[in-house]
């Protein structure tokens, strides 16, 4: 049985890779209890144009 659960670390890694490839933009929205940055991700404006979304 395939497990669909992804760890927070893996999710962060995948989002960061998409950000580095310029598919996503990110914005710091605060800090964790351990004083690490928290981000929100969204489609980059360039990628949105490329796929025809506004």
C-alpha atoms as a PDB file:
ATOM      1  CA  UNK A   1       0.000   0.000   0.000  1.00  0.00           C
ATOM      2  CA  UNK A   2       1.423   3.361  -1.040  1.00  0.00           C
ATOM      3  CA  UNK A   3       1.583   5.934   1.710  1.00  0.00           C
ATOM      4  CA  UNK A   4       0.346   9.393   0.654  1.00  0.00           C
ATOM      5  CA  UNK A   5       1.653  11.183   3.753  1.00  0.00           C
ATOM      6  CA  UNK A   6       4.577  13.557   3.189  1.00  0.00           C
ATOM      7  CA  UNK A   7       6.744  14.835   5.979  1.00  0.00           C
ATOM      8  CA  UNK A   8       7.008  18.564   6.603  1.00  0.00           C
ATOM      9  CA  UNK A   9      10.655  18.356   5.575  1.00  0.00           C
ATOM     10  CA  UNK A  10       9.842  16.735   2.239  1.00  0.00           C
ATOM     11  CA  UNK A  11       7.052  19.221   1.521  1.00  0.00           C
ATOM     12  CA  UNK A  12       9.375  22.128   2.313  1.00  0.00           C
ATOM     13  CA  UNK A  13      12.094  20.639   0.077  1.00  0.00           C
ATOM     14  CA  UNK A  14       9.683  20.233  -2.844  1.00  0.00           C
ATOM     15  CA  UNK A  15       8.289  23.778  -2.474  1.00  0.00           C
ATOM     16  CA  UNK A  16      11.806  25.217  -2.286  1.00  0.00           C
ATOM     17  CA  UNK A  17      12.802  23.350  -5.462  1.00  0.00           C
ATOM     18  CA  UNK A  18       9.792  24.800  -7.290  1.00  0.00           C
ATOM     19  CA  UNK A  19      10.722  28.246  -5.969  1.00  0.00           C
ATOM     20  CA  UNK A  20      14.313  27.842  -7.199  1.00  0.00           C
ATOM     21  CA  UNK A  21      12.969  26.831 -10.623  1.00  0.00           C
ATOM     22  CA  UNK A  22      10.848  30.036 -10.530  1.00  0.00           C
ATOM     23  CA  UNK A  23       7.488  28.250 -10.650  1.00  0.00           C
ATOM     24  CA  UNK A  24       6.599  29.676  -7.231  1.00  0.00           C
ATOM     25  CA  UNK A  25       7.000  32.910  -5.307  1.00  0.00           C
ATOM     26  CA  UNK A  26       7.291  32.923  -1.534  1.00  0.00           C
ATOM     27  CA  UNK A  27       6.698  35.455   1.185  1.00  0.00           C
ATOM     28  CA  UNK A  28       7.769  35.263   4.798  1.00  0.00           C
ATOM     29  CA  UNK A  29       4.686  35.437   7.005  1.00  0.00           C
ATOM     30  CA  UNK A  30       6.200  35.032  10.441  1.00  0.00           C
ATOM     31  CA  UNK A  31       8.351  32.823  12.608  1.00  0.00           C
ATOM     32  CA  UNK A  32       7.922  29.402  14.155  1.00  0.00           C
ATOM     33  CA  UNK A  33       8.287  28.777  17.878  1.00  0.00           C
ATOM     34  CA  UNK A  34      11.924  27.887  17.119  1.00  0.00           C
ATOM     35  CA  UNK A  35      12.414  31.299  15.447  1.00  0.00           C
ATOM     36  CA  UNK A  36      12.572  29.775  11.950  1.00  0.00           C
ATOM     37  CA  UNK A  37      10.887  31.664   9.111  1.00  0.00           C
ATOM     38  CA  UNK A  38       7.420  30.600   7.908  1.00  0.00           C
ATOM     39  CA  UNK A  39       6.536  31.101   4.254  1.00  0.00           C
ATOM     40  CA  UNK A  40       3.495  31.187   2.031  1.00  0.00           C
ATOM     41  CA  UNK A  41       3.940  30.009  -1.557  1.00  0.00           C
ATOM     42  CA  UNK A  42       1.969  30.897  -4.687  1.00  0.00           C
ATOM     43  CA  UNK A  43       2.401  30.563  -8.441  1.00  0.00           C
ATOM     44  CA  UNK A  44       4.919  33.021  -9.818  1.00  0.00           C
ATOM     45  CA  UNK A  45       3.523  35.767 -12.021  1.00  0.00           C
ATOM     46  CA  UNK A  46       5.698  34.596 -14.923  1.00  0.00           C
ATOM     47  CA  UNK A  47       4.466  31.013 -14.654  1.00  0.00           C
ATOM     48  CA  UNK A  48       0.859  32.203 -14.296  1.00  0.00           C
ATOM     49  CA  UNK A  49       1.254  34.102 -17.599  1.00  0.00           C
ATOM     50  CA  UNK A  50       2.834  31.082 -19.261  1.00  0.00           C
ATOM     51  CA  UNK A  51      -0.113  28.831 -18.427  1.00  0.00           C
ATOM     52  CA  UNK A  52      -2.705  31.472 -19.222  1.00  0.00           C
ATOM     53  CA  UNK A  53      -3.900  32.273 -15.683  1.00  0.00           C
ATOM     54  CA  UNK A  54      -4.357  35.726 -14.235  1.00  0.00           C
END
